[in-house]
Amino acid sequence: MTTWLAILGTALSCYLVKLLGLSVPAGVLERPLVRRLAALVPIALLAALTGIQTFGDGRALTLDARAAGVAAAAAALLLRAPFLVVVAAAVVVTALVRALG
């Protein structure tokens, strides 16, 4: 029963947050500061998700093959490689580190 209450509470909370976003007056959304912040929120969320998925292991921080793959992708980005090359570099380095370790 507790699980179902948690699910219903989460669903209701999500609905209320969505409703709150729709009820913001248009004048507030037109402000330059709000527009700049709204453009940066997805980038911050993606960076946080990447960091958690790369360096997180349950409740502890860890450095493993995933970190090496992200480092290889960052190096490829610094060299201005195309996106597919960046992804391929991350995959190959991660696989090599896992195979060697």
N, C-alpha and C. Protein backbone atom coordinates (compact mmCIF):
# COMPACT_ATOMS: atom_id res chain seq x y z
N MET A 1 0.82 -1.20 0.00
CA MET A 1 0.00 0.00 0.00
C MET A 1 0.86 1.26 0.00
N THR A 2 1.98 1.23 0.71
CA THR A 2 2.86 2.40 0.76
C THR A 2 3.43 2.73 -0.62
N THR A 3 3.73 1.71 -1.39
CA THR A 3 4.26 1.93 -2.73
C THR A 3 3.24 2.65 -3.60
N TRP A 4 1.98 2.23 -3.51
CA TRP A 4 0.94 2.87 -4.31
C TRP A 4 0.70 4.31 -3.87
N LEU A 5 0.82 4.59 -2.59
CA LEU A 5 0.68 5.97 -2.13
C LEU A 5 1.83 6.82 -2.66
N ALA A 6 3.02 6.26 -2.69
CA ALA A 6 4.17 6.98 -3.24
C ALA A 6 3.99 7.26 -4.73
N ILE A 7 3.48 6.28 -5.45
CA ILE A 7 3.24 6.45 -6.89
C ILE A 7 2.18 7.52 -7.13
N LEU A 8 1.09 7.46 -6.39
CA LEU A 8 0.03 8.45 -6.55
C LEU A 8 0.52 9.85 -6.14
N GLY A 9 1.28 9.94 -5.07
CA GLY A 9 1.83 11.23 -4.65
C GLY A 9 2.77 11.81 -5.68
N THR A 10 3.59 10.97 -6.27
CA THR A 10 4.52 11.43 -7.31
C THR A 10 3.76 11.89 -8.55
N ALA A 11 2.75 11.14 -8.94
CA ALA A 11 1.95 11.52 -10.11
C ALA A 11 1.24 12.85 -9.87
N LEU A 12 0.69 13.03 -8.70
CA LEU A 12 0.02 14.28 -8.37
C LEU A 12 1.01 15.45 -8.34
N SER A 13 2.17 15.22 -7.78
CA SER A 13 3.20 16.26 -7.75
C SER A 13 3.63 16.66 -9.16
N CYS A 14 3.83 15.68 -10.02
CA CYS A 14 4.22 15.98 -11.40
C CYS A 14 3.13 16.79 -12.11
N TYR A 15 1.88 16.42 -11.89
CA TYR A 15 0.77 17.15 -12.50
C TYR A 15 0.73 18.59 -12.00
N LEU A 16 0.93 18.79 -10.70
CA LEU A 16 0.89 20.13 -10.12
C LEU A 16 2.05 20.99 -10.63
N VAL A 17 3.23 20.40 -10.78
CA VAL A 17 4.37 21.15 -11.32
C VAL A 17 4.09 21.56 -12.76
N LYS A 18 3.51 20.67 -13.54
CA LYS A 18 3.16 20.98 -14.92
C LYS A 18 2.12 22.09 -14.97
N LEU A 19 1.12 22.01 -14.10
CA LEU A 19 0.08 23.03 -14.04
C LEU A 19 0.66 24.38 -13.62
N LEU A 20 1.59 24.36 -12.69
CA LEU A 20 2.24 25.59 -12.25
C LEU A 20 2.99 26.24 -13.41
N GLY A 21 3.68 25.44 -14.20
CA GLY A 21 4.40 25.98 -15.36
C GLY A 21 3.48 26.59 -16.39
N LEU A 22 2.31 26.01 -16.56
CA LEU A 22 1.35 26.53 -17.54
C LEU A 22 0.64 27.78 -17.04
N SER A 23 0.62 27.98 -15.74
CA SER A 23 -0.12 29.12 -15.18
C SER A 23 0.75 30.35 -14.98
N VAL A 24 2.02 30.31 -15.38
CA VAL A 24 2.90 31.48 -15.28
C VAL A 24 2.45 32.50 -16.32
N PRO A 25 2.28 33.75 -15.91
CA PRO A 25 1.85 34.78 -16.88
C PRO A 25 2.86 34.96 -18.01
N ALA A 26 2.35 35.27 -19.19
CA ALA A 26 3.21 35.42 -20.37
C ALA A 26 4.22 36.55 -20.20
N GLY A 27 3.85 37.58 -19.46
CA GLY A 27 4.75 38.70 -19.24
C GLY A 27 6.03 38.29 -18.52
N VAL A 28 5.91 37.33 -17.61
CA VAL A 28 7.09 36.85 -16.88
C VAL A 28 8.01 36.08 -17.82
N LEU A 29 7.43 35.32 -18.72
CA LEU A 29 8.23 34.50 -19.63
C LEU A 29 8.94 35.32 -20.69
N GLU A 30 8.51 36.55 -20.90
CA GLU A 30 9.12 37.40 -21.92
C GLU A 30 10.35 38.16 -21.41
N ARG A 31 10.60 38.13 -20.11
CA ARG A 31 11.74 38.85 -19.56
C ARG A 31 13.05 38.24 -20.04
N PRO A 32 14.05 39.07 -20.36
CA PRO A 32 15.32 38.55 -20.87
C PRO A 32 16.04 37.60 -19.90
N LEU A 33 16.00 37.90 -18.61
CA LEU A 33 16.66 37.04 -17.62
C LEU A 33 16.02 35.66 -17.60
N VAL A 34 14.70 35.61 -17.64
CA VAL A 34 13.99 34.33 -17.63
C VAL A 34 14.31 33.54 -18.89
N ARG A 35 14.38 34.21 -20.02
CA ARG A 35 14.72 33.52 -21.28
C ARG A 35 16.13 32.93 -21.23
N ARG A 36 17.08 33.71 -20.69
CA ARG A 36 18.46 33.20 -20.59
C ARG A 36 18.55 32.01 -19.65
N LEU A 37 17.88 32.12 -18.51
CA LEU A 37 17.90 31.01 -17.55
C LEU A 37 17.21 29.77 -18.12
N ALA A 38 16.11 29.97 -18.82
CA ALA A 38 15.39 28.83 -19.41
C ALA A 38 16.24 28.14 -20.47
N ALA A 39 17.08 28.89 -21.15
CA ALA A 39 17.96 28.28 -22.16
C ALA A 39 19.08 27.47 -21.51
N LEU A 40 19.46 27.84 -20.29
CA LEU A 40 20.58 27.16 -19.63
C LEU A 40 20.15 25.95 -18.80
N VAL A 41 18.89 25.85 -18.43
CA VAL A 41 18.43 24.76 -17.57
C VAL A 41 18.65 23.38 -18.22
N PRO A 42 18.29 23.15 -19.49
CA PRO A 42 18.54 21.82 -20.07
C PRO A 42 20.01 21.45 -20.09
N ILE A 43 20.88 22.43 -20.32
CA ILE A 43 22.32 22.14 -20.34
C ILE A 43 22.79 21.71 -18.96
N ALA A 44 22.33 22.41 -17.93
CA ALA A 44 22.73 22.06 -16.57
C ALA A 44 22.20 20.69 -16.18
N LEU A 45 20.97 20.38 -16.56
CA LEU A 45 20.40 19.07 -16.23
C LEU A 45 21.14 17.95 -16.95
N LEU A 46 21.49 18.16 -18.21
CA LEU A 46 22.23 17.14 -18.95
C LEU A 46 23.63 16.94 -18.37
N ALA A 47 24.27 18.02 -17.97
CA ALA A 47 25.60 17.91 -17.36
C ALA A 47 25.52 17.16 -16.03
N ALA A 48 24.50 17.45 -15.25
CA ALA A 48 24.34 16.75 -13.96
C ALA A 48 24.06 15.26 -14.18
N LEU A 49 23.21 14.95 -15.14
CA LEU A 49 22.91 13.54 -15.44
C LEU A 49 24.15 12.81 -15.93
N THR A 50 24.93 13.45 -16.78
CA THR A 50 26.15 12.84 -17.27
C THR A 50 27.13 12.59 -16.13
N GLY A 51 27.27 13.55 -15.25
CA GLY A 51 28.18 13.39 -14.12
C GLY A 51 27.75 12.26 -13.20
N ILE A 52 26.46 12.17 -12.91
CA ILE A 52 25.97 11.11 -12.03
C ILE A 52 26.15 9.73 -12.67
N GLN A 53 25.84 9.64 -13.96
CA GLN A 53 25.96 8.35 -14.64
C GLN A 53 27.42 7.95 -14.84
N THR A 54 28.31 8.91 -14.95
CA THR A 54 29.72 8.60 -15.18
C THR A 54 30.46 8.27 -13.91
N PHE A 55 30.26 9.07 -12.88
CA PHE A 55 31.06 8.93 -11.67
C PHE A 55 30.31 8.33 -10.49
N GLY A 56 29.04 8.03 -10.65
CA GLY A 56 28.26 7.48 -9.54
C GLY A 56 28.13 5.97 -9.62
N ASP A 57 28.18 5.36 -8.46
CA ASP A 57 27.98 3.91 -8.36
C ASP A 57 27.20 3.65 -7.08
N GLY A 58 25.90 3.77 -7.16
CA GLY A 58 25.10 3.64 -5.95
C GLY A 58 25.25 4.88 -5.10
N ARG A 59 25.91 4.72 -3.95
CA ARG A 59 26.10 5.85 -3.05
C ARG A 59 27.54 6.34 -3.00
N ALA A 60 28.38 5.84 -3.86
CA ALA A 60 29.80 6.20 -3.82
C ALA A 60 30.24 6.74 -5.18
N LEU A 61 31.28 7.55 -5.15
CA LEU A 61 31.90 8.02 -6.38
C LEU A 61 32.93 7.00 -6.82
N THR A 62 33.04 6.82 -8.12
CA THR A 62 33.97 5.83 -8.64
C THR A 62 34.60 6.33 -9.93
N LEU A 63 35.84 5.95 -10.15
CA LEU A 63 36.52 6.22 -11.41
C LEU A 63 36.78 4.88 -12.09
N ASP A 64 36.13 4.67 -13.21
CA ASP A 64 36.30 3.41 -13.93
C ASP A 64 36.36 3.70 -15.43
N ALA A 65 36.01 2.73 -16.22
CA ALA A 65 36.10 2.86 -17.67
C ALA A 65 35.21 3.97 -18.21
N ARG A 66 34.08 4.22 -17.54
CA ARG A 66 33.19 5.29 -18.00
C ARG A 66 33.88 6.64 -17.96
N ALA A 67 34.65 6.88 -16.91
CA ALA A 67 35.37 8.15 -16.81
C ALA A 67 36.41 8.29 -17.92
N ALA A 68 37.07 7.20 -18.26
CA ALA A 68 38.04 7.23 -19.36
C ALA A 68 37.33 7.53 -20.68
N GLY A 69 36.15 6.98 -20.88
CA GLY A 69 35.38 7.25 -22.09
C GLY A 69 34.96 8.70 -22.19
N VAL A 70 34.53 9.28 -21.08
CA VAL A 70 34.15 10.69 -21.07
C VAL A 70 35.38 11.56 -21.33
N ALA A 71 36.51 11.19 -20.78
CA ALA A 71 37.74 11.94 -21.03
C ALA A 71 38.12 11.88 -22.50
N ALA A 72 37.96 10.72 -23.12
CA ALA A 72 38.27 10.59 -24.55
C ALA A 72 37.30 11.43 -25.38
N ALA A 73 36.04 11.44 -24.99
CA ALA A 73 35.06 12.27 -25.70
C ALA A 73 35.40 13.74 -25.56
N ALA A 74 35.81 14.16 -24.36
CA ALA A 74 36.18 15.55 -24.15
C ALA A 74 37.40 15.93 -24.99
N ALA A 75 38.36 15.03 -25.08
CA ALA A 75 39.53 15.28 -25.91
C ALA A 75 39.15 15.42 -27.38
N ALA A 76 38.25 14.54 -27.83
CA ALA A 76 37.80 14.62 -29.22
C ALA A 76 37.04 15.92 -29.48
N LEU A 77 36.26 16.36 -28.49
CA LEU A 77 35.56 17.63 -28.65
C LEU A 77 36.53 18.80 -28.72
N LEU A 78 37.58 18.75 -27.91
CA LEU A 78 38.58 19.82 -27.95
C LEU A 78 39.29 19.87 -29.29
N LEU A 79 39.41 18.72 -29.94
CA LEU A 79 40.02 18.66 -31.27
C LEU A 79 39.03 18.97 -32.38
N ARG A 80 37.79 19.33 -31.96
CA ARG A 80 36.71 19.69 -32.90
C ARG A 80 36.35 18.56 -33.85
N ALA A 81 36.32 17.35 -33.31
CA ALA A 81 35.93 16.19 -34.10
C ALA A 81 34.42 16.19 -34.32
N PRO A 82 33.95 15.57 -35.39
CA PRO A 82 32.50 15.44 -35.60
C PRO A 82 31.87 14.59 -34.49
N PHE A 83 30.56 14.76 -34.32
CA PHE A 83 29.86 14.10 -33.23
C PHE A 83 30.04 12.58 -33.25
N LEU A 84 29.92 11.97 -34.41
CA LEU A 84 30.06 10.50 -34.48
C LEU A 84 31.46 10.05 -34.08
N VAL A 85 32.46 10.85 -34.40
CA VAL A 85 33.83 10.52 -34.00
C VAL A 85 33.98 10.64 -32.48
N VAL A 86 33.33 11.64 -31.90
CA VAL A 86 33.36 11.81 -30.44
C VAL A 86 32.75 10.59 -29.76
N VAL A 87 31.59 10.17 -30.24
CA VAL A 87 30.92 9.00 -29.66
C VAL A 87 31.76 7.75 -29.86
N ALA A 88 32.31 7.58 -31.06
CA ALA A 88 33.13 6.40 -31.34
C ALA A 88 34.37 6.37 -30.45
N ALA A 89 35.00 7.52 -30.24
CA ALA A 89 36.17 7.57 -29.37
C ALA A 89 35.81 7.16 -27.95
N ALA A 90 34.69 7.66 -27.46
CA ALA A 90 34.25 7.30 -26.11
C ALA A 90 33.97 5.80 -25.99
N VAL A 91 33.32 5.24 -26.99
CA VAL A 91 33.00 3.81 -26.97
C VAL A 91 34.26 2.96 -27.02
N VAL A 92 35.17 3.30 -27.92
CA VAL A 92 36.38 2.50 -28.09
C VAL A 92 37.25 2.56 -26.83
N VAL A 93 37.43 3.75 -26.28
CA VAL A 93 38.27 3.87 -25.07
C VAL A 93 37.63 3.15 -23.89
N THR A 94 36.32 3.30 -23.72
CA THR A 94 35.63 2.58 -22.63
C THR A 94 35.80 1.08 -22.79
N ALA A 95 35.61 0.57 -24.02
CA ALA A 95 35.75 -0.86 -24.25
C ALA A 95 37.18 -1.34 -23.98
N LEU A 96 38.16 -0.57 -24.42
CA LEU A 96 39.55 -0.95 -24.19
C LEU A 96 39.90 -0.98 -22.71
N VAL A 97 39.46 0.02 -21.97
CA VAL A 97 39.76 0.06 -20.54
C VAL A 97 39.08 -1.11 -19.83
N ARG A 98 37.86 -1.42 -20.22
CA ARG A 98 37.17 -2.57 -19.61
C ARG A 98 37.86 -3.87 -19.96
N ALA A 99 38.34 -3.99 -21.20
CA ALA A 99 39.00 -5.22 -21.63
C ALA A 99 40.34 -5.41 -20.92
N LEU A 100 41.05 -4.31 -20.69
CA LEU A 100 42.35 -4.40 -20.04
C LEU A 100 42.25 -4.50 -18.52
N GLY A 101 41.16 -4.04 -17.96
CA GLY A 101 41.07 -4.00 -16.51
C GLY A 101 40.11 -4.97 -15.98
